[in-house]
Amino acid sequence: MSIFNRPHYTSEITNFIEELRQKKPTLEAEQRAGRALLWDKQLDRSQLDEYGEARVPQQPYVYQTRSD
């Protein structure tokens, strides 16, 4: 049998995902809406700059008490 004439293989996981997409066609839109809700945020660059300026540098060894 030639490698070009073999039947096309799909894994169980691929079959499951394709079946899930057929059963619930709105799945991808719901996933995108959930991602937008939690992750896709507009950041205010001026606030990020202020946060960076207000940051206190960490000591080289965190658990050592200051001697000054």
PDB file of N, CA and C in Angstrom:
ATOM      1  N   MET A   1       0.838  -1.170   0.000  1.00  0.00           N
ATOM      2  CA  MET A   1       0.000   0.000   0.000  1.00  0.00           C
ATOM      3  C   MET A   1       0.885   1.236   0.000  1.00  0.00           C
ATOM      4  N   SER A   2       0.635   2.140  -0.872  1.00  0.00           N
ATOM      5  CA  SER A   2       1.381   3.380  -0.972  1.00  0.00           C
ATOM      6  C   SER A   2       0.960   4.332   0.153  1.00  0.00           C
ATOM      7  N   ILE A   3       1.857   5.201   0.534  1.00  0.00           N
ATOM      8  CA  ILE A   3       1.498   6.153   1.597  1.00  0.00           C
ATOM      9  C   ILE A   3       0.468   7.167   1.118  1.00  0.00           C
ATOM     10  N   PHE A   4       0.337   7.314  -0.180  1.00  0.00           N
ATOM     11  CA  PHE A   4      -0.621   8.286  -0.716  1.00  0.00           C
ATOM     12  C   PHE A   4      -2.028   7.711  -0.820  1.00  0.00           C
ATOM     13  N   ASN A   5      -2.161   6.404  -0.762  1.00  0.00           N
ATOM     14  CA  ASN A   5      -3.467   5.764  -0.908  1.00  0.00           C
ATOM     15  C   ASN A   5      -4.072   5.333   0.428  1.00  0.00           C
ATOM     16  N   ARG A   6      -3.415   5.664   1.533  1.00  0.00           N
ATOM     17  CA  ARG A   6      -3.934   5.271   2.834  1.00  0.00           C
ATOM     18  C   ARG A   6      -5.192   6.064   3.178  1.00  0.00           C
ATOM     19  N   PRO A   7      -6.076   5.452   3.936  1.00  0.00           N
ATOM     20  CA  PRO A   7      -7.254   6.213   4.376  1.00  0.00           C
ATOM     21  C   PRO A   7      -6.831   7.313   5.351  1.00  0.00           C
ATOM     22  N   HIS A   8      -7.561   8.402   5.328  1.00  0.00           N
ATOM     23  CA  HIS A   8      -7.245   9.545   6.185  1.00  0.00           C
ATOM     24  C   HIS A   8      -7.577   9.211   7.636  1.00  0.00           C
ATOM     25  N   TYR A   9      -6.627   9.434   8.537  1.00  0.00           N
ATOM     26  CA  TYR A   9      -6.809   9.126   9.956  1.00  0.00           C
ATOM     27  C   TYR A   9      -7.199  10.396  10.710  1.00  0.00           C
ATOM     28  N   THR A  10      -8.208  10.301  11.549  1.00  0.00           N
ATOM     29  CA  THR A  10      -8.538  11.378  12.475  1.00  0.00           C
ATOM     30  C   THR A  10      -8.609  10.776  13.876  1.00  0.00           C
ATOM     31  N   SER A  11      -8.039  11.491  14.817  1.00  0.00           N
ATOM     32  CA  SER A  11      -7.994  10.984  16.191  1.00  0.00           C
ATOM     33  C   SER A  11      -9.366  11.095  16.848  1.00  0.00           C
ATOM     34  N   GLU A  12      -9.490  10.435  17.983  1.00  0.00           N
ATOM     35  CA  GLU A  12     -10.740  10.479  18.736  1.00  0.00           C
ATOM     36  C   GLU A  12     -11.028  11.897  19.211  1.00  0.00           C
ATOM     37  N   ILE A  13      -9.993  12.607  19.576  1.00  0.00           N
ATOM     38  CA  ILE A  13     -10.169  13.974  20.064  1.00  0.00           C
ATOM     39  C   ILE A  13     -10.662  14.873  18.938  1.00  0.00           C
ATOM     40  N   THR A  14     -10.085  14.727  17.750  1.00  0.00           N
ATOM     41  CA  THR A  14     -10.534  15.512  16.602  1.00  0.00           C
ATOM     42  C   THR A  14     -11.983  15.195  16.282  1.00  0.00           C
ATOM     43  N   ASN A  15     -12.339  13.936  16.317  1.00  0.00           N
ATOM     44  CA  ASN A  15     -13.731  13.551  16.074  1.00  0.00           C
ATOM     45  C   ASN A  15     -14.660  14.159  17.122  1.00  0.00           C
ATOM     46  N   PHE A  16     -14.230  14.142  18.381  1.00  0.00           N
ATOM     47  CA  PHE A  16     -15.032  14.707  19.463  1.00  0.00           C
ATOM     48  C   PHE A  16     -15.253  16.204  19.246  1.00  0.00           C
ATOM     49  N   ILE A  17     -14.188  16.932  18.905  1.00  0.00           N
ATOM     50  CA  ILE A  17     -14.307  18.378  18.707  1.00  0.00           C
ATOM     51  C   ILE A  17     -15.207  18.692  17.518  1.00  0.00           C
ATOM     52  N   GLU A  18     -15.052  17.965  16.431  1.00  0.00           N
ATOM     53  CA  GLU A  18     -15.913  18.192  15.263  1.00  0.00           C
ATOM     54  C   GLU A  18     -17.372  17.900  15.588  1.00  0.00           C
ATOM     55  N   GLU A  19     -17.616  16.835  16.346  1.00  0.00           N
ATOM     56  CA  GLU A  19     -18.985  16.500  16.749  1.00  0.00           C
ATOM     57  C   GLU A  19     -19.555  17.581  17.676  1.00  0.00           C
ATOM     58  N   LEU A  20     -18.735  18.079  18.575  1.00  0.00           N
ATOM     59  CA  LEU A  20     -19.165  19.138  19.488  1.00  0.00           C
ATOM     60  C   LEU A  20     -19.506  20.411  18.721  1.00  0.00           C
ATOM     61  N   ARG A  21     -18.702  20.756  17.735  1.00  0.00           N
ATOM     62  CA  ARG A  21     -18.984  21.946  16.909  1.00  0.00           C
ATOM     63  C   ARG A  21     -20.279  21.784  16.116  1.00  0.00           C
ATOM     64  N   GLN A  22     -20.566  20.566  15.668  1.00  0.00           N
ATOM     65  CA  GLN A  22     -21.800  20.333  14.924  1.00  0.00           C
ATOM     66  C   GLN A  22     -23.009  20.431  15.848  1.00  0.00           C
ATOM     67  N   LYS A  23     -22.880  19.927  17.070  1.00  0.00           N
ATOM     68  CA  LYS A  23     -23.993  19.963  18.011  1.00  0.00           C
ATOM     69  C   LYS A  23     -24.259  21.379  18.522  1.00  0.00           C
ATOM     70  N   LYS A  24     -23.179  22.151  18.684  1.00  0.00           N
ATOM     71  CA  LYS A  24     -23.318  23.492  19.247  1.00  0.00           C
ATOM     72  C   LYS A  24     -22.575  24.490  18.358  1.00  0.00           C
ATOM     73  N   PRO A  25     -23.220  24.997  17.315  1.00  0.00           N
ATOM     74  CA  PRO A  25     -22.537  25.889  16.374  1.00  0.00           C
ATOM     75  C   PRO A  25     -22.136  27.241  16.976  1.00  0.00           C
ATOM     76  N   THR A  26     -22.717  27.622  18.108  1.00  0.00           N
ATOM     77  CA  THR A  26     -22.385  28.907  18.723  1.00  0.00           C
ATOM     78  C   THR A  26     -21.198  28.803  19.681  1.00  0.00           C
ATOM     79  N   LEU A  27     -20.590  27.655  19.761  1.00  0.00           N
ATOM     80  CA  LEU A  27     -19.514  27.416  20.725  1.00  0.00           C
ATOM     81  C   LEU A  27     -18.350  28.390  20.552  1.00  0.00           C
ATOM     82  N   GLU A  28     -17.894  28.574  19.335  1.00  0.00           N
ATOM     83  CA  GLU A  28     -16.737  29.441  19.106  1.00  0.00           C
ATOM     84  C   GLU A  28     -17.056  30.892  19.479  1.00  0.00           C
ATOM     85  N   ALA A  29     -18.250  31.366  19.156  1.00  0.00           N
ATOM     86  CA  ALA A  29     -18.636  32.731  19.519  1.00  0.00           C
ATOM     87  C   ALA A  29     -18.706  32.888  21.035  1.00  0.00           C
ATOM     88  N   GLU A  30     -19.201  31.876  21.730  1.00  0.00           N
ATOM     89  CA  GLU A  30     -19.258  31.922  23.189  1.00  0.00           C
ATOM     90  C   GLU A  30     -17.860  31.936  23.788  1.00  0.00           C
ATOM     91  N   GLN A  31     -16.943  31.175  23.208  1.00  0.00           N
ATOM     92  CA  GLN A  31     -15.569  31.163  23.697  1.00  0.00           C
ATOM     93  C   GLN A  31     -14.922  32.530  23.504  1.00  0.00           C
ATOM     94  N   ARG A  32     -15.156  33.153  22.348  1.00  0.00           N
ATOM     95  CA  ARG A  32     -14.598  34.481  22.090  1.00  0.00           C
ATOM     96  C   ARG A  32     -15.178  35.520  23.049  1.00  0.00           C
ATOM     97  N   ALA A  33     -16.472  35.416  23.339  1.00  0.00           N
ATOM     98  CA  ALA A  33     -17.101  36.350  24.278  1.00  0.00           C
ATOM     99  C   ALA A  33     -16.519  36.171  25.675  1.00  0.00           C
ATOM    100  N   GLY A  34     -16.286  34.942  26.091  1.00  0.00           N
ATOM    101  CA  GLY A  34     -15.683  34.686  27.390  1.00  0.00           C
ATOM    102  C   GLY A  34     -14.263  35.203  27.474  1.00  0.00           C
ATOM    103  N   ARG A  35     -13.518  35.049  26.405  1.00  0.00           N
ATOM    104  CA  ARG A  35     -12.150  35.562  26.381  1.00  0.00           C
ATOM    105  C   ARG A  35     -12.156  37.085  26.459  1.00  0.00           C
ATOM    106  N   ALA A  36     -13.052  37.721  25.719  1.00  0.00           N
ATOM    107  CA  ALA A  36     -13.133  39.174  25.747  1.00  0.00           C
ATOM    108  C   ALA A  36     -13.503  39.671  27.142  1.00  0.00           C
ATOM    109  N   LEU A  37     -14.331  38.924  27.827  1.00  0.00           N
ATOM    110  CA  LEU A  37     -14.764  39.310  29.166  1.00  0.00           C
ATOM    111  C   LEU A  37     -13.603  39.279  30.155  1.00  0.00           C
ATOM    112  N   LEU A  38     -12.737  38.269  30.040  1.00  0.00           N
ATOM    113  CA  LEU A  38     -11.685  38.083  31.033  1.00  0.00           C
ATOM    114  C   LEU A  38     -10.311  38.615  30.620  1.00  0.00           C
ATOM    115  N   TRP A  39      -9.983  38.556  29.338  1.00  0.00           N
ATOM    116  CA  TRP A  39      -8.602  38.811  28.928  1.00  0.00           C
ATOM    117  C   TRP A  39      -8.401  40.013  28.027  1.00  0.00           C
ATOM    118  N   ASP A  40      -9.272  40.231  27.087  1.00  0.00           N
ATOM    119  CA  ASP A  40      -9.066  41.285  26.090  1.00  0.00           C
ATOM    120  C   ASP A  40      -9.499  42.629  26.663  1.00  0.00           C
ATOM    121  N   LYS A  41      -8.606  43.266  27.391  1.00  0.00           N
ATOM    122  CA  LYS A  41      -8.889  44.540  28.036  1.00  0.00           C
ATOM    123  C   LYS A  41      -8.048  45.630  27.395  1.00  0.00           C
ATOM    124  N   GLN A  42      -8.624  46.819  27.336  1.00  0.00           N
ATOM    125  CA  GLN A  42      -7.870  47.984  26.886  1.00  0.00           C
ATOM    126  C   GLN A  42      -7.111  48.550  28.079  1.00  0.00           C
ATOM    127  N   LEU A  43      -5.799  48.707  27.945  1.00  0.00           N
ATOM    128  CA  LEU A  43      -4.974  49.191  29.041  1.00  0.00           C
ATOM    129  C   LEU A  43      -4.691  50.666  28.870  1.00  0.00           C
ATOM    130  N   ASP A  44      -4.695  51.381  29.983  1.00  0.00           N
ATOM    131  CA  ASP A  44      -4.366  52.790  29.986  1.00  0.00           C
ATOM    132  C   ASP A  44      -2.855  52.913  30.171  1.00  0.00           C
ATOM    133  N   ARG A  45      -2.166  53.340  29.132  1.00  0.00           N
ATOM    134  CA  ARG A  45      -0.694  53.379  29.155  1.00  0.00           C
ATOM    135  C   ARG A  45      -0.163  54.362  30.193  1.00  0.00           C
ATOM    136  N   SER A  46      -0.866  55.461  30.419  1.00  0.00           N
ATOM    137  CA  SER A  46      -0.385  56.427  31.414  1.00  0.00           C
ATOM    138  C   SER A  46      -0.428  55.814  32.819  1.00  0.00           C
ATOM    139  N   GLN A  47      -1.454  55.048  33.122  1.00  0.00           N
ATOM    140  CA  GLN A  47      -1.520  54.383  34.423  1.00  0.00           C
ATOM    141  C   GLN A  47      -0.426  53.340  34.565  1.00  0.00           C
ATOM    142  N   LEU A  48      -0.146  52.606  33.484  1.00  0.00           N
ATOM    143  CA  LEU A  48       0.937  51.620  33.545  1.00  0.00           C
ATOM    144  C   LEU A  48       2.271  52.292  33.822  1.00  0.00           C
ATOM    145  N   ASP A  49       2.499  53.459  33.217  1.00  0.00           N
ATOM    146  CA  ASP A  49       3.735  54.203  33.471  1.00  0.00           C
ATOM    147  C   ASP A  49       3.808  54.639  34.930  1.00  0.00           C
ATOM    148  N   GLU A  50       2.671  55.113  35.475  1.00  0.00           N
ATOM    149  CA  GLU A  50       2.636  55.528  36.880  1.00  0.00           C
ATOM    150  C   GLU A  50       2.919  54.343  37.805  1.00  0.00           C
ATOM    151  N   TYR A  51       2.365  53.182  37.502  1.00  0.00           N
ATOM    152  CA  TYR A  51       2.614  51.995  38.317  1.00  0.00           C
ATOM    153  C   TYR A  51       4.089  51.627  38.292  1.00  0.00           C
ATOM    154  N   GLY A  52       4.705  51.734  37.131  1.00  0.00           N
ATOM    155  CA  GLY A  52       6.123  51.418  37.012  1.00  0.00           C
ATOM    156  C   GLY A  52       6.995  52.375  37.789  1.00  0.00           C
ATOM    157  N   GLU A  53       6.633  53.660  37.775  1.00  0.00           N
ATOM    158  CA  GLU A  53       7.408  54.660  38.503  1.00  0.00           C
ATOM    159  C   GLU A  53       7.253  54.488  40.009  1.00  0.00           C
ATOM    160  N   ALA A  54       6.113  54.020  40.464  1.00  0.00           N
ATOM    161  CA  ALA A  54       5.850  53.878  41.894  1.00  0.00           C
ATOM    162  C   ALA A  54       6.400  52.588  42.476  1.00  0.00           C
ATOM    163  N   ARG A  55       6.923  51.746  41.648  1.00  0.00           N
ATOM    164  CA  ARG A  55       7.421  50.458  42.122  1.00  0.00           C
ATOM    165  C   ARG A  55       8.675  50.630  42.975  1.00  0.00           C
ATOM    166  N   VAL A  56       8.717  49.916  44.083  1.00  0.00           N
ATOM    167  CA  VAL A  56       9.862  49.968  44.992  1.00  0.00           C
ATOM    168  C   VAL A  56      10.795  48.825  44.629  1.00  0.00           C
ATOM    169  N   PRO A  57      12.086  49.104  44.433  1.00  0.00           N
ATOM    170  CA  PRO A  57      13.005  48.032  44.063  1.00  0.00           C
ATOM    171  C   PRO A  57      13.155  47.012  45.189  1.00  0.00           C
ATOM    172  N   GLN A  58      13.261  45.771  44.822  1.00  0.00           N
ATOM    173  CA  GLN A  58      13.381  44.686  45.792  1.00  0.00           C
ATOM    174  C   GLN A  58      14.831  44.526  46.210  1.00  0.00           C
ATOM    175  N   GLN A  59      15.016  44.130  47.465  1.00  0.00           N
ATOM    176  CA  GLN A  59      16.367  43.878  47.971  1.00  0.00           C
ATOM    177  C   GLN A  59      16.951  42.638  47.296  1.00  0.00           C
ATOM    178  N   PRO A  60      18.281  42.553  47.208  1.00  0.00           N
ATOM    179  CA  PRO A  60      18.887  41.362  46.612  1.00  0.00           C
ATOM    180  C   PRO A  60      18.517  40.079  47.354  1.00  0.00           C
ATOM    181  N   TYR A  61      18.506  40.153  48.680  1.00  0.00           N
ATOM    182  CA  TYR A  61      18.103  38.995  49.470  1.00  0.00           C
ATOM    183  C   TYR A  61      16.887  39.420  50.271  1.00  0.00           C
ATOM    184  N   VAL A  62      15.749  38.886  49.942  1.00  0.00           N
ATOM    185  CA  VAL A  62      14.474  39.373  50.451  1.00  0.00           C
ATOM    186  C   VAL A  62      14.335  39.208  51.949  1.00  0.00           C
ATOM    187  N   TYR A  63      14.853  38.131  52.515  1.00  0.00           N
ATOM    188  CA  TYR A  63      14.633  37.821  53.919  1.00  0.00           C
ATOM    189  C   TYR A  63      15.632  38.485  54.861  1.00  0.00           C
ATOM    190  N   GLN A  64      16.570  39.225  54.336  1.00  0.00           N
ATOM    191  CA  GLN A  64      17.541  39.919  55.182  1.00  0.00           C
ATOM    192  C   GLN A  64      16.950  41.241  55.649  1.00  0.00           C
ATOM    193  N   THR A  65      17.113  41.543  56.928  1.00  0.00           N
ATOM    194  CA  THR A  65      16.619  42.818  57.442  1.00  0.00           C
ATOM    195  C   THR A  65      17.576  43.918  57.045  1.00  0.00           C
ATOM    196  N   ARG A  66      17.028  45.111  56.969  1.00  0.00           N
ATOM    197  CA  ARG A  66      17.860  46.250  56.578  1.00  0.00           C
ATOM    198  C   ARG A  66      18.719  46.676  57.765  1.00  0.00           C
ATOM    199  N   SER A  67      19.949  47.018  57.486  1.00  0.00           N
ATOM    200  CA  SER A  67      20.867  47.407  58.562  1.00  0.00           C
ATOM    201  C   SER A  67      21.090  48.916  58.595  1.00  0.00           C
ATOM    202  N   ASP A  68      20.405  49.709  57.794  1.00  0.00           N
ATOM    203  CA  ASP A  68      20.644  51.142  57.808  1.00  0.00           C
ATOM    204  C   ASP A  68      19.629  51.901  58.577  1.00  0.00           C
TER     205      ASP A  68
END
